[in-house]
């Protein structure tokens, strides 16, 4: 069972609802995204889960990175898929953000799993072709009950499911088009969760997700007001992928002190 924080549902529900405080690429506005520094910072700010992106290196290692190319977040260039881990480890992934993070390196997923043994992980697969390596790696940590694997691509999730039927899987949705069909398909496959961009999340989408047996986990890459976060919580969401991990505890506190 996934660990979570219990809070009341704002729309009049009698029972507490489980809310996962999931830090989007760590604390990415206060530290370089998808690095150990960013993850440590997110946990210090109240996150109990880390959302991170994974890609495959040229020599078959699962590494933590959002972009296919190195240019934006390092002093390197080119595609991650065409470079070996040793080359990637020689690059600086922190100085682009601030000189205080100079020499921060690209972590492997295994490093994250070892560094944060009790913290939940939402592992987003960014591209196809790495499913066997990821499933093999996660099989070494099969006693951990706080891992969700997600992707924008249903076919990727289906391949992971075929390799390890026990892994909780979540589909990421960012567009309004076709979401009803996607929810139905997720339900048919027995996926665990639905990760919808928060602007799409309302009472209807939450109800349909719940009817399909899916946990609703909104995500955002923008600053939200406390009021909007409260609205999301009131809908009975299961978790929230956000850029400011300290915001959710503040919303909880404000609600309980009413």
Protein backbone atom coordinates (compact mmCIF):
# COMPACT_ATOMS: atom_id res chain seq x y z
CA UNK A 1 0.00 0.00 0.00
CA UNK A 2 1.29 3.48 -0.85
CA UNK A 3 2.09 5.74 2.09
CA UNK A 4 0.27 9.06 2.34
CA UNK A 5 -0.91 11.87 4.57
CA UNK A 6 -4.52 11.81 5.75
CA UNK A 7 -6.59 14.98 5.53
CA UNK A 8 -10.29 15.73 5.36
CA UNK A 9 -12.11 16.20 2.08
CA UNK A 10 -13.25 19.80 1.84
CA UNK A 11 -16.51 19.11 0.03
CA UNK A 12 -18.21 17.59 3.04
CA UNK A 13 -16.81 14.05 3.06
CA UNK A 14 -16.73 12.31 6.42
CA UNK A 15 -13.47 10.44 5.99
CA UNK A 16 -9.89 11.51 5.49
CA UNK A 17 -8.52 11.26 2.00
CA UNK A 18 -4.97 10.16 1.25
CA UNK A 19 -2.91 12.88 -0.35
CA UNK A 20 0.59 12.25 -1.65
CA UNK A 21 2.79 15.36 -1.67
CA UNK A 22 4.83 14.65 -4.82
CA UNK A 23 7.65 17.06 -5.70
CA UNK A 24 7.89 17.70 -9.45
CA UNK A 25 11.53 17.00 -10.47
CA UNK A 26 12.34 17.74 -6.85
CA UNK A 27 12.32 21.35 -5.73
CA UNK A 28 13.06 22.54 -9.24
CA UNK A 29 12.64 26.27 -8.71
CA UNK A 30 15.11 26.32 -5.82
CA UNK A 31 17.67 23.82 -7.09
CA UNK A 32 18.64 22.16 -10.39
CA UNK A 33 15.87 19.80 -11.42
CA UNK A 34 16.21 16.02 -11.30
CA UNK A 35 19.38 16.09 -9.19
CA UNK A 36 20.09 14.70 -5.75
CA UNK A 37 20.32 18.28 -4.48
CA UNK A 38 16.84 19.00 -5.78
CA UNK A 39 15.45 15.84 -4.20
CA UNK A 40 17.04 16.56 -0.81
CA UNK A 41 15.64 20.08 -0.91
CA UNK A 42 12.15 18.83 -1.78
CA UNK A 43 12.12 16.44 1.16
CA UNK A 44 13.23 19.23 3.50
CA UNK A 45 10.28 21.26 2.20
CA UNK A 46 7.75 18.56 3.05
CA UNK A 47 7.61 16.19 0.08
CA UNK A 48 6.98 12.54 0.84
CA UNK A 49 7.25 11.52 -2.84
CA UNK A 50 9.63 12.59 -5.59
CA UNK A 51 8.56 12.84 -9.22
CA UNK A 52 11.47 12.22 -11.55
CA UNK A 53 12.01 11.49 -15.24
CA UNK A 54 14.09 8.64 -16.59
CA UNK A 55 15.92 7.95 -19.83
CA UNK A 56 18.31 5.31 -21.10
CA UNK A 57 22.00 5.89 -21.82
CA UNK A 58 23.83 4.47 -24.81
CA UNK A 59 25.28 1.72 -22.64
CA UNK A 60 21.97 0.72 -21.06
CA UNK A 61 21.85 2.62 -17.75
CA UNK A 62 18.66 4.21 -16.46
CA UNK A 63 19.41 7.84 -15.61
CA UNK A 64 17.34 10.70 -14.25
CA UNK A 65 16.70 13.42 -16.84
CA UNK A 66 13.71 15.20 -18.36
CA UNK A 67 15.04 16.28 -21.76
CA UNK A 68 16.31 13.99 -24.49
CA UNK A 69 19.22 16.39 -25.04
CA UNK A 70 21.78 17.64 -22.56
CA UNK A 71 21.94 21.27 -23.64
CA UNK A 72 19.40 22.90 -21.30
CA UNK A 73 20.51 21.47 -17.95
CA UNK A 74 24.23 20.78 -18.29
CA UNK A 75 27.47 21.95 -19.84
CA UNK A 76 27.21 19.15 -22.37
CA UNK A 77 25.35 18.73 -25.65
CA UNK A 78 23.79 15.99 -27.70
CA UNK A 79 21.38 13.20 -26.92
CA UNK A 80 21.56 11.19 -23.71
CA UNK A 81 20.69 8.03 -25.64
CA UNK A 82 23.92 8.32 -27.63
CA UNK A 83 26.30 8.72 -24.68
CA UNK A 84 27.68 6.32 -22.13
CA UNK A 85 27.18 6.78 -18.40
CA UNK A 86 30.86 7.59 -17.83
CA UNK A 87 30.60 10.52 -20.25
CA UNK A 88 27.40 11.79 -18.67
CA UNK A 89 28.89 11.59 -15.18
CA UNK A 90 31.70 13.92 -16.24
CA UNK A 91 29.24 16.74 -16.99
CA UNK A 92 28.05 19.51 -14.68
CA UNK A 93 24.28 19.51 -14.08
CA UNK A 94 24.17 22.25 -11.46
CA UNK A 95 26.07 25.34 -12.53
CA UNK A 96 23.46 26.28 -15.18
CA UNK A 97 21.05 26.87 -12.29
CA UNK A 98 23.42 28.59 -9.87
CA UNK A 99 27.12 28.42 -9.07
CA UNK A 100 26.29 27.04 -5.61
CA UNK A 101 25.37 23.79 -7.37
CA UNK A 102 28.52 23.55 -9.48
CA UNK A 103 29.62 19.96 -10.19
CA UNK A 104 26.22 18.45 -9.42
CA UNK A 105 26.06 15.27 -11.49
CA UNK A 106 23.33 13.41 -13.32
CA UNK A 107 22.05 10.68 -10.98
CA UNK A 108 21.20 7.18 -12.04
CA UNK A 109 17.84 5.84 -10.92
CA UNK A 110 19.67 3.29 -8.80
CA UNK A 111 21.46 6.10 -6.97
CA UNK A 112 18.13 7.72 -6.19
CA UNK A 113 16.68 4.44 -4.95
CA UNK A 114 19.69 3.93 -2.68
CA UNK A 115 19.88 7.53 -1.46
CA UNK A 116 16.18 7.80 -0.60
CA UNK A 117 15.18 4.33 0.63
CA UNK A 118 12.04 5.45 2.45
CA UNK A 119 10.85 8.24 0.16
CA UNK A 120 8.16 7.50 -2.39
CA UNK A 121 9.03 7.76 -6.08
CA UNK A 122 6.92 8.61 -9.11
CA UNK A 123 9.13 7.48 -12.00
CA UNK A 124 8.07 8.90 -15.36
CA UNK A 125 9.33 7.12 -18.46
CA UNK A 126 10.07 9.71 -21.13
CA UNK A 127 10.75 7.49 -24.14
CA UNK A 128 10.22 3.88 -25.28
CA UNK A 129 12.91 1.24 -25.37
CA UNK A 130 13.95 1.21 -21.72
CA UNK A 131 11.14 -0.89 -20.28
CA UNK A 132 13.23 -4.09 -19.77
CA UNK A 133 16.07 -2.23 -18.06
CA UNK A 134 13.69 -0.35 -15.79
CA UNK A 135 11.69 -3.42 -14.83
CA UNK A 136 14.88 -5.36 -14.14
CA UNK A 137 16.22 -2.59 -11.91
CA UNK A 138 13.01 -2.15 -9.96
CA UNK A 139 12.76 -5.90 -9.39
CA UNK A 140 15.73 -5.51 -7.03
CA UNK A 141 13.60 -3.20 -4.92
CA UNK A 142 10.40 -5.24 -5.01
CA UNK A 143 9.89 -4.90 -1.26
CA UNK A 144 9.31 -1.17 -1.67
CA UNK A 145 5.63 -0.33 -1.72
CA UNK A 146 5.97 3.37 -2.53
CA UNK A 147 6.84 3.42 -6.23
CA UNK A 148 4.60 4.49 -9.12
CA UNK A 149 5.73 4.24 -12.75
CA UNK A 150 4.06 6.69 -15.13
CA UNK A 151 4.19 7.77 -18.75
CA UNK A 152 2.31 9.79 -21.35
CA UNK A 153 2.32 6.69 -23.55
CA UNK A 154 -0.10 3.82 -22.99
CA UNK A 155 2.00 1.38 -25.03
CA UNK A 156 5.00 1.98 -22.75
CA UNK A 157 2.90 1.30 -19.67
CA UNK A 158 1.51 -1.87 -21.23
CA UNK A 159 5.05 -3.17 -21.87
CA UNK A 160 6.05 -2.43 -18.28
CA UNK A 161 2.90 -4.15 -17.07
CA UNK A 162 3.74 -7.24 -19.11
CA UNK A 163 7.21 -7.31 -17.56
CA UNK A 164 6.04 -6.69 -13.98
CA UNK A 165 2.27 -6.89 -13.39
CA UNK A 166 2.66 -5.83 -9.75
CA UNK A 167 4.06 -2.35 -10.42
CA UNK A 168 1.55 0.49 -9.85
CA UNK A 169 1.25 2.33 -13.19
CA UNK A 170 -0.14 5.75 -14.03
CA UNK A 171 -1.04 7.42 -17.32
CA UNK A 172 -0.08 11.10 -17.70
CA UNK A 173 -2.57 13.33 -19.56
CA UNK A 174 -2.01 16.93 -20.61
CA UNK A 175 -4.66 17.54 -23.28
CA UNK A 176 -8.44 17.73 -23.23
CA UNK A 177 -8.82 15.65 -26.38
CA UNK A 178 -9.57 11.97 -25.82
CA UNK A 179 -9.34 11.83 -22.06
CA UNK A 180 -12.58 9.84 -21.64
CA UNK A 181 -11.30 7.12 -23.96
CA UNK A 182 -7.97 7.09 -22.13
CA UNK A 183 -9.67 6.72 -18.75
CA UNK A 184 -11.66 3.75 -20.03
CA UNK A 185 -8.52 2.13 -21.40
CA UNK A 186 -6.66 2.67 -18.13
CA UNK A 187 -9.50 0.99 -16.30
CA UNK A 188 -9.47 -1.96 -18.70
CA UNK A 189 -5.73 -2.44 -18.15
CA UNK A 190 -6.09 -2.17 -14.40
CA UNK A 191 -3.72 0.77 -14.07
CA UNK A 192 -3.25 2.37 -10.69
CA UNK A 193 -3.55 6.10 -11.30
CA UNK A 194 -4.38 8.91 -13.67
CA UNK A 195 -2.02 11.92 -13.73
CA UNK A 196 -3.97 14.80 -15.28
CA UNK A 197 -2.80 18.36 -15.79
CA UNK A 198 -4.57 20.21 -13.00
CA UNK A 199 -6.65 22.43 -15.32
CA UNK A 200 -8.43 19.28 -16.52
CA UNK A 201 -9.26 18.11 -13.00
CA UNK A 202 -12.79 18.71 -11.82
CA UNK A 203 -15.60 16.75 -10.19
CA UNK A 204 -16.42 14.99 -13.49
CA UNK A 205 -12.91 13.78 -14.27
CA UNK A 206 -12.36 12.66 -10.68
CA UNK A 207 -15.65 10.77 -10.65
CA UNK A 208 -14.91 9.01 -13.94
CA UNK A 209 -11.40 8.11 -12.80
CA UNK A 210 -12.71 6.69 -9.53
CA UNK A 211 -15.38 4.74 -11.41
CA UNK A 212 -12.60 3.17 -13.51
CA UNK A 213 -10.70 2.24 -10.34
CA UNK A 214 -8.04 4.91 -10.85
CA UNK A 215 -6.46 7.24 -8.31
CA UNK A 216 -6.49 10.87 -9.46
CA UNK A 217 -3.09 12.57 -9.19
CA UNK A 218 -3.11 16.06 -10.73
CA UNK A 219 0.14 17.69 -11.83
CA UNK A 220 1.19 21.22 -12.60
CA UNK A 221 4.23 23.07 -13.89
CA UNK A 222 2.98 26.48 -12.85
CA UNK A 223 2.43 28.39 -9.61
CA UNK A 224 -1.01 27.70 -8.13
CA UNK A 225 -2.83 29.70 -5.50
CA UNK A 226 -3.63 28.10 -2.16
CA UNK A 227 -7.28 28.37 -3.16
CA UNK A 228 -6.76 26.23 -6.26
CA UNK A 229 -4.81 23.64 -4.28
CA UNK A 230 -7.65 23.54 -1.75
CA UNK A 231 -10.12 23.05 -4.59
CA UNK A 232 -8.12 20.10 -5.89
CA UNK A 233 -7.92 18.56 -2.45
CA UNK A 234 -11.67 19.00 -1.97
CA UNK A 235 -12.30 16.86 -5.06
CA UNK A 236 -10.85 13.81 -3.36
CA UNK A 237 -7.55 13.55 -5.23
CA UNK A 238 -5.05 10.90 -4.20
CA UNK A 239 -1.92 12.99 -4.65
CA UNK A 240 -0.56 16.18 -6.17
CA UNK A 241 2.57 16.57 -8.32
CA UNK A 242 3.73 20.11 -7.68
CA UNK A 243 6.72 22.44 -7.91
CA UNK A 244 6.42 23.84 -4.38
CA UNK A 245 6.33 20.95 -1.86
CA UNK A 246 5.89 23.30 1.10
CA UNK A 247 2.55 24.56 -0.26
CA UNK A 248 0.50 21.45 0.51
CA UNK A 249 1.34 21.37 4.24
CA UNK A 250 0.41 25.06 4.43
CA UNK A 251 -2.94 24.38 2.77
CA UNK A 252 -3.56 21.50 5.19
CA UNK A 253 -2.71 23.72 8.15
CA UNK A 254 -4.97 26.55 6.98
CA UNK A 255 -7.84 24.14 6.48
CA UNK A 256 -7.53 22.46 9.86
CA UNK A 257 -7.31 25.84 11.62
CA UNK A 258 -10.57 27.10 10.14
